[in-house]
Amino acid sequence: MSNYKDYLKSEHWQNTRDRVAEYWGHRCAVCNSPDNVQVHHRTYEHIGQERMQDLILLCDDCHRKFHGERYGLEPIQATLERYVKRMIRGG
């Protein structure tokens, strides 16, 4: 891939994105909203070969919160990390 924006247009990413949405039930992993959900990279370490734990589904509002665009990074990031760890452990 020449750059990240090109990667996000690739068929591989589209398939990966769909698989992540299905895994999370097409709902935000933080607030459970089904509205405006999008896949968030928790790490860019495995771009092109992402593992399920590298990605999470977030609604637009929680995604902005996670990136600190509204309320600051710490509270939402801590909540998200706890939830992901619980999901990976299976409940």
PDB file of N, CA and C in Angstrom:
ATOM      1  N   MET A   1       0.835  -1.183   0.000  1.00  0.00           N
ATOM      2  CA  MET A   1       0.000   0.000   0.000  1.00  0.00           C
ATOM      3  C   MET A   1       0.879   1.245   0.000  1.00  0.00           C
ATOM      4  N   SER A   2       0.496   2.183  -0.791  1.00  0.00           N
ATOM      5  CA  SER A   2       1.301   3.397  -0.839  1.00  0.00           C
ATOM      6  C   SER A   2       1.038   4.301   0.356  1.00  0.00           C
ATOM      7  N   ASN A   3      -0.186   4.297   0.874  1.00  0.00           N
ATOM      8  CA  ASN A   3      -0.456   5.058   2.085  1.00  0.00           C
ATOM      9  C   ASN A   3      -1.722   4.544   2.762  1.00  0.00           C
ATOM     10  N   TYR A   4      -1.951   5.056   3.943  1.00  0.00           N
ATOM     11  CA  TYR A   4      -3.071   4.579   4.761  1.00  0.00           C
ATOM     12  C   TYR A   4      -4.420   4.837   4.097  1.00  0.00           C
ATOM     13  N   LYS A   5      -4.593   5.995   3.475  1.00  0.00           N
ATOM     14  CA  LYS A   5      -5.866   6.301   2.811  1.00  0.00           C
ATOM     15  C   LYS A   5      -6.140   5.322   1.677  1.00  0.00           C
ATOM     16  N   ASP A   6      -5.119   4.948   0.934  1.00  0.00           N
ATOM     17  CA  ASP A   6      -5.290   3.940  -0.121  1.00  0.00           C
ATOM     18  C   ASP A   6      -5.673   2.599   0.487  1.00  0.00           C
ATOM     19  N   TYR A   7      -5.046   2.257   1.609  1.00  0.00           N
ATOM     20  CA  TYR A   7      -5.354   0.992   2.272  1.00  0.00           C
ATOM     21  C   TYR A   7      -6.829   0.932   2.670  1.00  0.00           C
ATOM     22  N   LEU A   8      -7.354   2.042   3.185  1.00  0.00           N
ATOM     23  CA  LEU A   8      -8.754   2.069   3.615  1.00  0.00           C
ATOM     24  C   LEU A   8      -9.730   1.907   2.455  1.00  0.00           C
ATOM     25  N   LYS A   9      -9.266   2.094   1.241  1.00  0.00           N
ATOM     26  CA  LYS A   9     -10.096   1.896   0.050  1.00  0.00           C
ATOM     27  C   LYS A   9      -9.967   0.486  -0.519  1.00  0.00           C
ATOM     28  N   SER A  10      -9.044  -0.297   0.003  1.00  0.00           N
ATOM     29  CA  SER A  10      -8.756  -1.617  -0.554  1.00  0.00           C
ATOM     30  C   SER A  10      -9.852  -2.632  -0.225  1.00  0.00           C
ATOM     31  N   GLU A  11      -9.954  -3.636  -1.055  1.00  0.00           N
ATOM     32  CA  GLU A  11     -10.907  -4.719  -0.821  1.00  0.00           C
ATOM     33  C   GLU A  11     -10.577  -5.462   0.472  1.00  0.00           C
ATOM     34  N   HIS A  12      -9.280  -5.640   0.730  1.00  0.00           N
ATOM     35  CA  HIS A  12      -8.861  -6.308   1.970  1.00  0.00           C
ATOM     36  C   HIS A  12      -9.406  -5.570   3.193  1.00  0.00           C
ATOM     37  N   TRP A  13      -9.241  -4.240   3.212  1.00  0.00           N
ATOM     38  CA  TRP A  13      -9.733  -3.472   4.354  1.00  0.00           C
ATOM     39  C   TRP A  13     -11.260  -3.545   4.443  1.00  0.00           C
ATOM     40  N   GLN A  14     -11.936  -3.463   3.316  1.00  0.00           N
ATOM     41  CA  GLN A  14     -13.405  -3.532   3.323  1.00  0.00           C
ATOM     42  C   GLN A  14     -13.869  -4.849   3.949  1.00  0.00           C
ATOM     43  N   ASN A  15     -13.220  -5.944   3.588  1.00  0.00           N
ATOM     44  CA  ASN A  15     -13.551  -7.251   4.172  1.00  0.00           C
ATOM     45  C   ASN A  15     -13.228  -7.301   5.659  1.00  0.00           C
ATOM     46  N   THR A  16     -12.092  -6.747   6.031  1.00  0.00           N
ATOM     47  CA  THR A  16     -11.693  -6.706   7.441  1.00  0.00           C
ATOM     48  C   THR A  16     -12.686  -5.874   8.234  1.00  0.00           C
ATOM     49  N   ARG A  17     -13.036  -4.720   7.706  1.00  0.00           N
ATOM     50  CA  ARG A  17     -13.987  -3.828   8.366  1.00  0.00           C
ATOM     51  C   ARG A  17     -15.339  -4.527   8.578  1.00  0.00           C
ATOM     52  N   ASP A  18     -15.808  -5.228   7.553  1.00  0.00           N
ATOM     53  CA  ASP A  18     -17.079  -5.939   7.661  1.00  0.00           C
ATOM     54  C   ASP A  18     -17.020  -7.035   8.727  1.00  0.00           C
ATOM     55  N   ARG A  19     -15.904  -7.733   8.790  1.00  0.00           N
ATOM     56  CA  ARG A  19     -15.730  -8.802   9.779  1.00  0.00           C
ATOM     57  C   ARG A  19     -15.722  -8.239  11.204  1.00  0.00           C
ATOM     58  N   VAL A  20     -15.080  -7.087  11.387  1.00  0.00           N
ATOM     59  CA  VAL A  20     -15.042  -6.449  12.705  1.00  0.00           C
ATOM     60  C   VAL A  20     -16.444  -5.981  13.105  1.00  0.00           C
ATOM     61  N   ALA A  21     -17.164  -5.384  12.173  1.00  0.00           N
ATOM     62  CA  ALA A  21     -18.533  -4.929  12.455  1.00  0.00           C
ATOM     63  C   ALA A  21     -19.418  -6.103  12.852  1.00  0.00           C
ATOM     64  N   GLU A  22     -19.266  -7.212  12.169  1.00  0.00           N
ATOM     65  CA  GLU A  22     -20.036  -8.408  12.490  1.00  0.00           C
ATOM     66  C   GLU A  22     -19.677  -8.923  13.889  1.00  0.00           C
ATOM     67  N   TYR A  23     -18.396  -8.958  14.191  1.00  0.00           N
ATOM     68  CA  TYR A  23     -17.918  -9.424  15.494  1.00  0.00           C
ATOM     69  C   TYR A  23     -18.529  -8.617  16.632  1.00  0.00           C
ATOM     70  N   TRP A  24     -18.597  -7.298  16.464  1.00  0.00           N
ATOM     71  CA  TRP A  24     -19.118  -6.410  17.499  1.00  0.00           C
ATOM     72  C   TRP A  24     -20.637  -6.224  17.395  1.00  0.00           C
ATOM     73  N   GLY A  25     -21.283  -6.968  16.521  1.00  0.00           N
ATOM     74  CA  GLY A  25     -22.735  -6.884  16.407  1.00  0.00           C
ATOM     75  C   GLY A  25     -23.221  -5.580  15.809  1.00  0.00           C
ATOM     76  N   HIS A  26     -22.365  -4.935  15.028  1.00  0.00           N
ATOM     77  CA  HIS A  26     -22.706  -3.665  14.372  1.00  0.00           C
ATOM     78  C   HIS A  26     -23.089  -2.594  15.390  1.00  0.00           C
ATOM     79  N   ARG A  27     -22.467  -2.675  16.582  1.00  0.00           N
ATOM     80  CA  ARG A  27     -22.749  -1.710  17.647  1.00  0.00           C
ATOM     81  C   ARG A  27     -21.442  -1.233  18.265  1.00  0.00           C
ATOM     82  N   CYS A  28     -21.462  -0.017  18.762  1.00  0.00           N
ATOM     83  CA  CYS A  28     -20.295   0.568  19.416  1.00  0.00           C
ATOM     84  C   CYS A  28     -19.904  -0.274  20.629  1.00  0.00           C
ATOM     85  N   ALA A  29     -18.627  -0.563  20.749  1.00  0.00           N
ATOM     86  CA  ALA A  29     -18.123  -1.368  21.861  1.00  0.00           C
ATOM     87  C   ALA A  29     -18.150  -0.619  23.188  1.00  0.00           C
ATOM     88  N   VAL A  30     -18.313   0.699  23.146  1.00  0.00           N
ATOM     89  CA  VAL A  30     -18.332   1.487  24.375  1.00  0.00           C
ATOM     90  C   VAL A  30     -19.757   1.778  24.831  1.00  0.00           C
ATOM     91  N   CYS A  31     -20.583   2.340  23.940  1.00  0.00           N
ATOM     92  CA  CYS A  31     -21.916   2.793  24.361  1.00  0.00           C
ATOM     93  C   CYS A  31     -23.050   1.944  23.789  1.00  0.00           C
ATOM     94  N   ASN A  32     -22.726   0.977  22.938  1.00  0.00           N
ATOM     95  CA  ASN A  32     -23.687   0.048  22.343  1.00  0.00           C
ATOM     96  C   ASN A  32     -24.585   0.685  21.278  1.00  0.00           C
ATOM     97  N   SER A  33     -24.272   1.877  20.833  1.00  0.00           N
ATOM     98  CA  SER A  33     -25.067   2.533  19.799  1.00  0.00           C
ATOM     99  C   SER A  33     -24.852   1.847  18.449  1.00  0.00           C
ATOM    100  N   PRO A  34     -25.915   1.700  17.660  1.00  0.00           N
ATOM    101  CA  PRO A  34     -25.770   1.162  16.312  1.00  0.00           C
ATOM    102  C   PRO A  34     -25.541   2.265  15.261  1.00  0.00           C
ATOM    103  N   ASP A  35     -25.513   3.518  15.710  1.00  0.00           N
ATOM    104  CA  ASP A  35     -25.459   4.652  14.789  1.00  0.00           C
ATOM    105  C   ASP A  35     -24.033   5.056  14.434  1.00  0.00           C
ATOM    106  N   ASN A  36     -23.792   5.248  13.157  1.00  0.00           N
ATOM    107  CA  ASN A  36     -22.519   5.778  12.657  1.00  0.00           C
ATOM    108  C   ASN A  36     -21.298   5.064  13.217  1.00  0.00           C
ATOM    109  N   VAL A  37     -21.334   3.727  13.185  1.00  0.00           N
ATOM    110  CA  VAL A  37     -20.200   2.970  13.716  1.00  0.00           C
ATOM    111  C   VAL A  37     -19.072   2.888  12.687  1.00  0.00           C
ATOM    112  N   GLN A  38     -17.863   2.832  13.200  1.00  0.00           N
ATOM    113  CA  GLN A  38     -16.670   2.762  12.360  1.00  0.00           C
ATOM    114  C   GLN A  38     -15.590   1.978  13.091  1.00  0.00           C
ATOM    115  N   VAL A  39     -14.732   1.376  12.319  1.00  0.00           N
ATOM    116  CA  VAL A  39     -13.658   0.572  12.906  1.00  0.00           C
ATOM    117  C   VAL A  39     -12.503   1.488  13.293  1.00  0.00           C
ATOM    118  N   HIS A  40     -12.024   1.280  14.501  1.00  0.00           N
ATOM    119  CA  HIS A  40     -10.896   2.044  15.037  1.00  0.00           C
ATOM    120  C   HIS A  40      -9.707   1.105  15.211  1.00  0.00           C
ATOM    121  N   HIS A  41      -8.545   1.523  14.718  1.00  0.00           N
ATOM    122  CA  HIS A  41      -7.310   0.773  14.944  1.00  0.00           C
ATOM    123  C   HIS A  41      -6.810   1.090  16.348  1.00  0.00           C
ATOM    124  N   ARG A  42      -6.712   0.081  17.183  1.00  0.00           N
ATOM    125  CA  ARG A  42      -6.120   0.247  18.510  1.00  0.00           C
ATOM    126  C   ARG A  42      -4.597   0.317  18.389  1.00  0.00           C
ATOM    127  N   THR A  43      -4.076  -0.277  17.330  1.00  0.00           N
ATOM    128  CA  THR A  43      -2.647  -0.231  17.027  1.00  0.00           C
ATOM    129  C   THR A  43      -2.489  -0.296  15.510  1.00  0.00           C
ATOM    130  N   TYR A  44      -1.432   0.301  15.026  1.00  0.00           N
ATOM    131  CA  TYR A  44      -1.134   0.248  13.591  1.00  0.00           C
ATOM    132  C   TYR A  44       0.021  -0.722  13.312  1.00  0.00           C
ATOM    133  N   GLU A  45       0.364  -1.502  14.302  1.00  0.00           N
ATOM    134  CA  GLU A  45       1.494  -2.425  14.220  1.00  0.00           C
ATOM    135  C   GLU A  45       1.324  -3.491  13.134  1.00  0.00           C
ATOM    136  N   HIS A  46       0.088  -3.904  12.869  1.00  0.00           N
ATOM    137  CA  HIS A  46      -0.150  -5.003  11.931  1.00  0.00           C
ATOM    138  C   HIS A  46      -0.984  -4.572  10.718  1.00  0.00           C
ATOM    139  N   ILE A  47      -0.774  -3.353  10.248  1.00  0.00           N
ATOM    140  CA  ILE A  47      -1.548  -2.855   9.111  1.00  0.00           C
ATOM    141  C   ILE A  47      -1.453  -3.839   7.949  1.00  0.00           C
ATOM    142  N   GLY A  48      -2.612  -4.182   7.425  1.00  0.00           N
ATOM    143  CA  GLY A  48      -2.678  -5.130   6.319  1.00  0.00           C
ATOM    144  C   GLY A  48      -2.829  -6.571   6.775  1.00  0.00           C
ATOM    145  N   GLN A  49      -2.517  -6.809   8.057  1.00  0.00           N
ATOM    146  CA  GLN A  49      -2.651  -8.146   8.645  1.00  0.00           C
ATOM    147  C   GLN A  49      -3.210  -8.010  10.065  1.00  0.00           C
ATOM    148  N   GLU A  50      -4.192  -7.121  10.209  1.00  0.00           N
ATOM    149  CA  GLU A  50      -4.746  -6.830  11.523  1.00  0.00           C
ATOM    150  C   GLU A  50      -5.304  -8.084  12.186  1.00  0.00           C
ATOM    151  N   ARG A  51      -5.114  -8.146  13.477  1.00  0.00           N
ATOM    152  CA  ARG A  51      -5.739  -9.181  14.292  1.00  0.00           C
ATOM    153  C   ARG A  51      -7.016  -8.581  14.878  1.00  0.00           C
ATOM    154  N   MET A  52      -7.953  -9.409  15.271  1.00  0.00           N
ATOM    155  CA  MET A  52      -9.211  -8.900  15.809  1.00  0.00           C
ATOM    156  C   MET A  52      -8.967  -7.969  16.999  1.00  0.00           C
ATOM    157  N   GLN A  53      -8.006  -8.286  17.844  1.00  0.00           N
ATOM    158  CA  GLN A  53      -7.743  -7.448  19.008  1.00  0.00           C
ATOM    159  C   GLN A  53      -7.076  -6.119  18.651  1.00  0.00           C
ATOM    160  N   ASP A  54      -6.663  -5.946  17.410  1.00  0.00           N
ATOM    161  CA  ASP A  54      -6.084  -4.677  16.953  1.00  0.00           C
ATOM    162  C   ASP A  54      -7.164  -3.661  16.598  1.00  0.00           C
ATOM    163  N   LEU A  55      -8.406  -4.124  16.461  1.00  0.00           N
ATOM    164  CA  LEU A  55      -9.486  -3.290  15.948  1.00  0.00           C
ATOM    165  C   LEU A  55     -10.678  -3.306  16.883  1.00  0.00           C
ATOM    166  N   ILE A  56     -11.449  -2.231  16.855  1.00  0.00           N
ATOM    167  CA  ILE A  56     -12.657  -2.157  17.670  1.00  0.00           C
ATOM    168  C   ILE A  56     -13.677  -1.301  16.934  1.00  0.00           C
ATOM    169  N   LEU A  57     -14.932  -1.547  17.173  1.00  0.00           N
ATOM    170  CA  LEU A  57     -15.999  -0.787  16.527  1.00  0.00           C
ATOM    171  C   LEU A  57     -16.466   0.309  17.487  1.00  0.00           C
ATOM    172  N   LEU A  58     -16.454   1.540  17.002  1.00  0.00           N
ATOM    173  CA  LEU A  58     -16.877   2.693  17.797  1.00  0.00           C
ATOM    174  C   LEU A  58     -17.861   3.532  17.006  1.00  0.00           C
ATOM    175  N   CYS A  59     -18.834   4.124  17.704  1.00  0.00           N
ATOM    176  CA  CYS A  59     -19.699   5.103  17.047  1.00  0.00           C
ATOM    177  C   CYS A  59     -18.876   6.382  16.859  1.00  0.00           C
ATOM    178  N   ASP A  60     -19.383   7.263  16.036  1.00  0.00           N
ATOM    179  CA  ASP A  60     -18.648   8.495  15.738  1.00  0.00           C
ATOM    180  C   ASP A  60     -18.360   9.291  17.014  1.00  0.00           C
ATOM    181  N   ASP A  61     -19.337   9.383  17.900  1.00  0.00           N
ATOM    182  CA  ASP A  61     -19.147  10.162  19.121  1.00  0.00           C
ATOM    183  C   ASP A  61     -18.055   9.558  20.009  1.00  0.00           C
ATOM    184  N   CYS A  62     -18.114   8.247  20.242  1.00  0.00           N
ATOM    185  CA  CYS A  62     -17.092   7.598  21.071  1.00  0.00           C
ATOM    186  C   CYS A  62     -15.724   7.627  20.393  1.00  0.00           C
ATOM    187  N   HIS A  63     -15.703   7.533  19.073  1.00  0.00           N
ATOM    188  CA  HIS A  63     -14.438   7.609  18.347  1.00  0.00           C
ATOM    189  C   HIS A  63     -13.795   8.971  18.555  1.00  0.00           C
ATOM    190  N   ARG A  64     -14.595  10.026  18.461  1.00  0.00           N
ATOM    191  CA  ARG A  64     -14.064  11.377  18.709  1.00  0.00           C
ATOM    192  C   ARG A  64     -13.596  11.517  20.151  1.00  0.00           C
ATOM    193  N   LYS A  65     -14.371  10.964  21.092  1.00  0.00           N
ATOM    194  CA  LYS A  65     -13.963  11.014  22.499  1.00  0.00           C
ATOM    195  C   LYS A  65     -12.642  10.280  22.693  1.00  0.00           C
ATOM    196  N   PHE A  66     -12.527   9.122  22.055  1.00  0.00           N
ATOM    197  CA  PHE A  66     -11.308   8.336  22.200  1.00  0.00           C
ATOM    198  C   PHE A  66     -10.094   9.129  21.736  1.00  0.00           C
ATOM    199  N   HIS A  67     -10.254   9.862  20.655  1.00  0.00           N
ATOM    200  CA  HIS A  67      -9.146  10.654  20.133  1.00  0.00           C
ATOM    201  C   HIS A  67      -9.006  11.990  20.852  1.00  0.00           C
ATOM    202  N   GLY A  68      -9.850  12.226  21.852  1.00  0.00           N
ATOM    203  CA  GLY A  68      -9.714  13.432  22.661  1.00  0.00           C
ATOM    204  C   GLY A  68     -10.280  14.678  22.023  1.00  0.00           C
ATOM    205  N   GLU A  69     -11.118  14.532  21.011  1.00  0.00           N
ATOM    206  CA  GLU A  69     -11.619  15.698  20.304  1.00  0.00           C
ATOM    207  C   GLU A  69     -12.696  16.445  21.078  1.00  0.00           C
ATOM    208  N   ARG A  70     -13.241  15.828  22.110  1.00  0.00           N
ATOM    209  CA  ARG A  70     -14.278  16.514  22.894  1.00  0.00           C
ATOM    210  C   ARG A  70     -13.964  16.550  24.379  1.00  0.00           C
ATOM    211  N   TYR A  71     -13.753  15.377  24.973  1.00  0.00           N
ATOM    212  CA  TYR A  71     -13.757  15.309  26.424  1.00  0.00           C
ATOM    213  C   TYR A  71     -12.423  14.912  27.041  1.00  0.00           C
ATOM    214  N   GLY A  72     -11.423  14.691  26.243  1.00  0.00           N
ATOM    215  CA  GLY A  72     -10.150  14.232  26.776  1.00  0.00           C
ATOM    216  C   GLY A  72     -10.015  12.725  26.628  1.00  0.00           C
ATOM    217  N   LEU A  73      -8.812  12.262  26.582  1.00  0.00           N
ATOM    218  CA  LEU A  73      -8.512  10.883  26.210  1.00  0.00           C
ATOM    219  C   LEU A  73      -8.655   9.881  27.343  1.00  0.00           C
ATOM    220  N   GLU A  74      -8.268  10.206  28.545  1.00  0.00           N
ATOM    221  CA  GLU A  74      -8.145   9.202  29.601  1.00  0.00           C
ATOM    222  C   GLU A  74      -9.418   8.431  29.939  1.00  0.00           C
ATOM    223  N   PRO A  75     -10.534   9.067  30.248  1.00  0.00           N
ATOM    224  CA  PRO A  75     -11.694   8.271  30.683  1.00  0.00           C
ATOM    225  C   PRO A  75     -12.170   7.254  29.649  1.00  0.00           C
ATOM    226  N   ILE A  76     -12.326   7.652  28.410  1.00  0.00           N
ATOM    227  CA  ILE A  76     -12.853   6.738  27.401  1.00  0.00           C
ATOM    228  C   ILE A  76     -11.828   5.655  27.074  1.00  0.00           C
ATOM    229  N   GLN A  77     -10.556   6.001  27.051  1.00  0.00           N
ATOM    230  CA  GLN A  77      -9.538   5.006  26.727  1.00  0.00           C
ATOM    231  C   GLN A  77      -9.488   3.925  27.800  1.00  0.00           C
ATOM    232  N   ALA A  78      -9.565   4.300  29.060  1.00  0.00           N
ATOM    233  CA  ALA A  78      -9.525   3.315  30.142  1.00  0.00           C
ATOM    234  C   ALA A  78     -10.743   2.395  30.069  1.00  0.00           C
ATOM    235  N   THR A  79     -11.915   2.960  29.819  1.00  0.00           N
ATOM    236  CA  THR A  79     -13.131   2.160  29.690  1.00  0.00           C
ATOM    237  C   THR A  79     -13.011   1.194  28.527  1.00  0.00           C
ATOM    238  N   LEU A  80     -12.542   1.679  27.410  1.00  0.00           N
ATOM    239  CA  LEU A  80     -12.391   0.870  26.215  1.00  0.00           C
ATOM    240  C   LEU A  80     -11.416  -0.272  26.443  1.00  0.00           C
ATOM    241  N   GLU A  81     -10.288  -0.001  27.054  1.00  0.00           N
ATOM    242  CA  GLU A  81      -9.292  -1.047  27.296  1.00  0.00           C
ATOM    243  C   GLU A  81      -9.845  -2.138  28.213  1.00  0.00           C
ATOM    244  N   ARG A  82     -10.584  -1.765  29.255  1.00  0.00           N
ATOM    245  CA  ARG A  82     -11.185  -2.767  30.133  1.00  0.00           C
ATOM    246  C   ARG A  82     -12.174  -3.632  29.372  1.00  0.00           C
ATOM    247  N   TYR A  83     -12.999  -3.006  28.529  1.00  0.00           N
ATOM    248  CA  TYR A  83     -14.007  -3.737  27.777  1.00  0.00           C
ATOM    249  C   TYR A  83     -13.351  -4.703  26.793  1.00  0.00           C
ATOM    250  N   VAL A  84     -12.337  -4.246  26.096  1.00  0.00           N
ATOM    251  CA  VAL A  84     -11.652  -5.097  25.112  1.00  0.00           C
ATOM    252  C   VAL A  84     -11.004  -6.279  25.811  1.00  0.00           C
ATOM    253  N   LYS A  85     -10.368  -6.064  26.926  1.00  0.00           N
ATOM    254  CA  LYS A  85      -9.749  -7.168  27.656  1.00  0.00           C
ATOM    255  C   LYS A  85     -10.799  -8.196  28.068  1.00  0.00           C
ATOM    256  N   ARG A  86     -11.960  -7.711  28.513  1.00  0.00           N
ATOM    257  CA  ARG A  86     -13.042  -8.617  28.901  1.00  0.00           C
ATOM    258  C   ARG A  86     -13.551  -9.407  27.709  1.00  0.00           C
ATOM    259  N   MET A  87     -13.723  -8.751  26.564  1.00  0.00           N
ATOM    260  CA  MET A  87     -14.205  -9.419  25.356  1.00  0.00           C
ATOM    261  C   MET A  87     -13.217 -10.476  24.869  1.00  0.00           C
ATOM    262  N   ILE A  88     -11.938 -10.158  24.926  1.00  0.00           N
ATOM    263  CA  ILE A  88     -10.911 -11.096  24.469  1.00  0.00           C
ATOM    264  C   ILE A  88     -10.881 -12.338  25.370  1.00  0.00           C
ATOM    265  N   ARG A  89     -11.117 -12.122  26.656  1.00  0.00           N
ATOM    266  CA  ARG A  89     -11.154 -13.251  27.600  1.00  0.00           C
ATOM    267  C   ARG A  89     -12.432 -14.047  27.469  1.00  0.00           C
ATOM    268  N   GLY A  90     -13.420 -13.497  26.762  1.00  0.00           N
ATOM    269  CA  GLY A  90     -14.655 -14.230  26.538  1.00  0.00           C
ATOM    270  C   GLY A  90     -15.764 -13.921  27.527  1.00  0.00           C
ATOM    271  N   GLY A  91     -15.752 -12.727  28.050  1.00  0.00           N
ATOM    272  CA  GLY A  91     -16.895 -12.377  28.869  1.00  0.00           C
ATOM    273  C   GLY A  91     -16.556 -11.714  30.120  1.00  0.00           C
TER     274      GLY A  91
END
